[in-house]
Amino acid sequence: MPRHARFAIDVGGLGAFPSATRARVLWAGVMAGDGPLVALAATVDTALAALGFPREARAFSPHITVGRVREPRRAEALATLLSASQTRPFGRVAVDAVTLMRSDLSPRGARYTPLARVPLSDGRP
């Protein structure tokens, strides 16, 4: 498996999956630095496929999940807020490791448990 060097991403803009008016997941976008992130995601996908996990059918969309909406409903005010923040920068994040997380969703909310952490290389041979 290829080694990936540490990198940084610029985070900004807010959005929602599947749409701003029917949000289930709120996210912050990756405005710059997504190349190394996309390459890292492809490596993880390939490694998981080799272990028997099905490949992700959707294209990778670099983002940071900010929150989940428990009871999605039509929300025009949220859509307006998200639209107004699409180009707003939030800051830079250093990416120096990959953490494998377990996600347990329940009616009381999501619970995330770290399973393993793999540091990225410092770029030196």
C-alpha atoms as a PDB file:
ATOM      1  CA  MET A   1       0.000   0.000   0.000  1.00  0.00           C
ATOM      2  CA  PRO A   2       1.444   3.387  -0.945  1.00  0.00           C
ATOM      3  CA  ARG A   3       2.520   5.756   1.795  1.00  0.00           C
ATOM      4  CA  HIS A   4       0.867   9.151   1.807  1.00  0.00           C
ATOM      5  CA  ALA A   5       2.554  12.277   3.108  1.00  0.00           C
ATOM      6  CA  ARG A   6       0.940  14.689   5.516  1.00  0.00           C
ATOM      7  CA  PHE A   7      -0.941  17.534   3.864  1.00  0.00           C
ATOM      8  CA  ALA A   8      -3.301  20.393   4.674  1.00  0.00           C
ATOM      9  CA  ILE A   9      -6.789  21.243   3.470  1.00  0.00           C
ATOM     10  CA  ASP A  10      -8.575  24.577   3.435  1.00  0.00           C
ATOM     11  CA  VAL A  11     -12.097  24.223   4.804  1.00  0.00           C
ATOM     12  CA  GLY A  12     -14.985  26.504   3.975  1.00  0.00           C
ATOM     13  CA  GLY A  13     -18.554  26.782   2.839  1.00  0.00           C
ATOM     14  CA  LEU A  14     -21.442  24.817   4.252  1.00  0.00           C
ATOM     15  CA  GLY A  15     -23.759  22.410   2.493  1.00  0.00           C
ATOM     16  CA  ALA A  16     -26.071  19.491   3.097  1.00  0.00           C
ATOM     17  CA  PHE A  17     -26.723  15.997   1.807  1.00  0.00           C
ATOM     18  CA  PRO A  18     -28.975  15.119   0.023  1.00  0.00           C
ATOM     19  CA  SER A  19     -29.994  18.764  -0.502  1.00  0.00           C
ATOM     20  CA  ALA A  20     -30.055  22.064   1.367  1.00  0.00           C
ATOM     21  CA  THR A  21     -33.849  22.033   1.637  1.00  0.00           C
ATOM     22  CA  ARG A  22     -34.042  18.432   2.895  1.00  0.00           C
ATOM     23  CA  ALA A  23     -30.828  18.165   4.905  1.00  0.00           C
ATOM     24  CA  ARG A  24     -29.866  14.908   6.598  1.00  0.00           C
ATOM     25  CA  VAL A  25     -26.139  15.646   6.885  1.00  0.00           C
ATOM     26  CA  LEU A  26     -24.575  19.107   7.288  1.00  0.00           C
ATOM     27  CA  TRP A  27     -21.042  19.471   5.964  1.00  0.00           C
ATOM     28  CA  ALA A  28     -18.190  21.917   5.476  1.00  0.00           C
ATOM     29  CA  GLY A  29     -16.451  21.767   2.120  1.00  0.00           C
ATOM     30  CA  VAL A  30     -12.817  21.355   1.161  1.00  0.00           C
ATOM     31  CA  MET A  31     -11.878  24.500  -0.760  1.00  0.00           C
ATOM     32  CA  ALA A  32      -8.223  23.606  -1.434  1.00  0.00           C
ATOM     33  CA  GLY A  33      -5.921  20.647  -0.862  1.00  0.00           C
ATOM     34  CA  ASP A  34      -8.392  18.044  -2.042  1.00  0.00           C
ATOM     35  CA  GLY A  35      -5.912  16.300  -4.396  1.00  0.00           C
ATOM     36  CA  PRO A  36      -4.034  14.416  -1.648  1.00  0.00           C
ATOM     37  CA  LEU A  37      -7.338  13.723   0.110  1.00  0.00           C
ATOM     38  CA  VAL A  38      -8.854  12.160  -3.035  1.00  0.00           C
ATOM     39  CA  ALA A  39      -5.708  10.047  -3.528  1.00  0.00           C
ATOM     40  CA  LEU A  40      -5.833   8.905   0.101  1.00  0.00           C
ATOM     41  CA  ALA A  41      -9.524   7.980  -0.207  1.00  0.00           C
ATOM     42  CA  ALA A  42      -8.749   5.910  -3.315  1.00  0.00           C
ATOM     43  CA  THR A  43      -5.999   4.035  -1.444  1.00  0.00           C
ATOM     44  CA  VAL A  44      -8.340   3.303   1.463  1.00  0.00           C
ATOM     45  CA  ASP A  45     -11.084   2.142  -0.930  1.00  0.00           C
ATOM     46  CA  THR A  46      -8.637  -0.203  -2.705  1.00  0.00           C
ATOM     47  CA  ALA A  47      -7.342  -1.619   0.591  1.00  0.00           C
ATOM     48  CA  LEU A  48     -10.866  -2.251   1.861  1.00  0.00           C
ATOM     49  CA  ALA A  49     -11.860  -3.913  -1.433  1.00  0.00           C
ATOM     50  CA  ALA A  50      -8.899  -6.279  -1.025  1.00  0.00           C
ATOM     51  CA  LEU A  51     -10.372  -7.257   2.368  1.00  0.00           C
ATOM     52  CA  GLY A  52     -13.750  -8.047   0.792  1.00  0.00           C
ATOM     53  CA  PHE A  53     -15.606  -4.791   1.443  1.00  0.00           C
ATOM     54  CA  PRO A  54     -17.635  -3.550  -1.526  1.00  0.00           C
ATOM     55  CA  ARG A  55     -16.265  -0.490  -3.305  1.00  0.00           C
ATOM     56  CA  GLU A  56     -18.141   2.766  -2.844  1.00  0.00           C
ATOM     57  CA  ALA A  57     -20.409   3.299  -5.853  1.00  0.00           C
ATOM     58  CA  ARG A  58     -20.627   7.080  -5.429  1.00  0.00           C
ATOM     59  CA  ALA A  59     -17.795   9.398  -6.380  1.00  0.00           C
ATOM     60  CA  PHE A  60     -15.781  10.610  -3.394  1.00  0.00           C
ATOM     61  CA  SER A  61     -16.890  14.083  -2.301  1.00  0.00           C
ATOM     62  CA  PRO A  62     -14.279  15.666   0.003  1.00  0.00           C
ATOM     63  CA  HIS A  63     -16.030  17.224   3.007  1.00  0.00           C
ATOM     64  CA  ILE A  64     -16.104  17.353   6.793  1.00  0.00           C
ATOM     65  CA  THR A  65     -19.335  16.200   8.382  1.00  0.00           C
ATOM     66  CA  VAL A  66     -20.469  18.853  10.846  1.00  0.00           C
ATOM     67  CA  GLY A  67     -23.682  17.233  12.032  1.00  0.00           C
ATOM     68  CA  ARG A  68     -26.675  15.073  11.277  1.00  0.00           C
ATOM     69  CA  VAL A  69     -30.324  16.114  11.221  1.00  0.00           C
ATOM     70  CA  ARG A  70     -32.437  13.784  13.334  1.00  0.00           C
ATOM     71  CA  GLU A  71     -35.792  14.591  11.761  1.00  0.00           C
ATOM     72  CA  PRO A  72     -35.323  15.994   8.258  1.00  0.00           C
ATOM     73  CA  ARG A  73     -38.043  18.277   6.963  1.00  0.00           C
ATOM     74  CA  ARG A  74     -38.278  21.051   4.426  1.00  0.00           C
ATOM     75  CA  ALA A  75     -36.243  23.977   5.793  1.00  0.00           C
ATOM     76  CA  GLU A  76     -36.049  27.030   3.541  1.00  0.00           C
ATOM     77  CA  ALA A  77     -34.274  29.107   6.215  1.00  0.00           C
ATOM     78  CA  LEU A  78     -31.502  26.502   6.456  1.00  0.00           C
ATOM     79  CA  ALA A  79     -31.179  26.391   2.671  1.00  0.00           C
ATOM     80  CA  THR A  80     -30.808  30.192   2.594  1.00  0.00           C
ATOM     81  CA  LEU A  81     -28.145  30.103   5.329  1.00  0.00           C
ATOM     82  CA  LEU A  82     -26.198  27.352   3.580  1.00  0.00           C
ATOM     83  CA  SER A  83     -26.340  29.182   0.261  1.00  0.00           C
ATOM     84  CA  ALA A  84     -25.002  32.376   1.850  1.00  0.00           C
ATOM     85  CA  SER A  85     -21.989  30.541   3.329  1.00  0.00           C
ATOM     86  CA  GLN A  86     -20.869  28.549   0.265  1.00  0.00           C
ATOM     87  CA  THR A  87     -17.715  30.593  -0.298  1.00  0.00           C
ATOM     88  CA  ARG A  88     -16.929  31.529   3.305  1.00  0.00           C
ATOM     89  CA  PRO A  89     -13.502  30.187   4.367  1.00  0.00           C
ATOM     90  CA  PHE A  90     -13.200  28.666   7.855  1.00  0.00           C
ATOM     91  CA  GLY A  91      -9.517  27.808   8.063  1.00  0.00           C
ATOM     92  CA  ARG A  92      -6.787  25.310   7.332  1.00  0.00           C
ATOM     93  CA  VAL A  93      -6.623  21.808   8.797  1.00  0.00           C
ATOM     94  CA  ALA A  94      -3.449  19.724   8.971  1.00  0.00           C
ATOM     95  CA  VAL A  95      -4.046  16.097   7.989  1.00  0.00           C
ATOM     96  CA  ASP A  96      -1.381  13.939   9.618  1.00  0.00           C
ATOM     97  CA  ALA A  97      -3.191  10.626  10.183  1.00  0.00           C
ATOM     98  CA  VAL A  98      -6.117   8.477   9.097  1.00  0.00           C
ATOM     99  CA  THR A  99      -8.445   7.156  11.783  1.00  0.00           C
ATOM    100  CA  LEU A 100     -10.756   4.242  11.049  1.00  0.00           C
ATOM    101  CA  MET A 101     -14.059   4.955  12.774  1.00  0.00           C
ATOM    102  CA  ARG A 102     -17.014   2.763  13.609  1.00  0.00           C
ATOM    103  CA  SER A 103     -20.343   4.556  13.208  1.00  0.00           C
ATOM    104  CA  ASP A 104     -23.355   3.298  15.135  1.00  0.00           C
ATOM    105  CA  LEU A 105     -26.566   5.126  14.231  1.00  0.00           C
ATOM    106  CA  SER A 106     -29.536   4.952  16.572  1.00  0.00           C
ATOM    107  CA  PRO A 107     -32.686   6.966  17.272  1.00  0.00           C
ATOM    108  CA  ARG A 108     -30.736   8.741  20.040  1.00  0.00           C
ATOM    109  CA  GLY A 109     -28.046   9.861  17.599  1.00  0.00           C
ATOM    110  CA  ALA A 110     -24.789   8.637  16.156  1.00  0.00           C
ATOM    111  CA  ARG A 111     -21.978   7.187  18.231  1.00  0.00           C
ATOM    112  CA  TYR A 112     -18.481   7.108  16.760  1.00  0.00           C
ATOM    113  CA  THR A 113     -15.737   4.821  18.024  1.00  0.00           C
ATOM    114  CA  PRO A 114     -12.124   5.019  16.778  1.00  0.00           C
ATOM    115  CA  LEU A 115     -10.851   1.551  15.809  1.00  0.00           C
ATOM    116  CA  ALA A 116      -7.387   2.248  14.403  1.00  0.00           C
ATOM    117  CA  ARG A 117      -5.119   5.209  13.617  1.00  0.00           C
ATOM    118  CA  VAL A 118      -2.472   5.272  10.884  1.00  0.00           C
ATOM    119  CA  PRO A 119      -0.064   8.226  10.819  1.00  0.00           C
ATOM    120  CA  LEU A 120       0.805   9.740   7.441  1.00  0.00           C
ATOM    121  CA  SER A 121       4.473  10.028   6.527  1.00  0.00           C
ATOM    122  CA  ASP A 122       6.498  13.159   7.107  1.00  0.00           C
ATOM    123  CA  GLY A 123       7.437  13.185   3.412  1.00  0.00           C
ATOM    124  CA  ARG A 124      11.004  11.979   3.959  1.00  0.00           C
ATOM    125  CA  PRO A 125      12.168   8.744   2.304  1.00  0.00           C
END
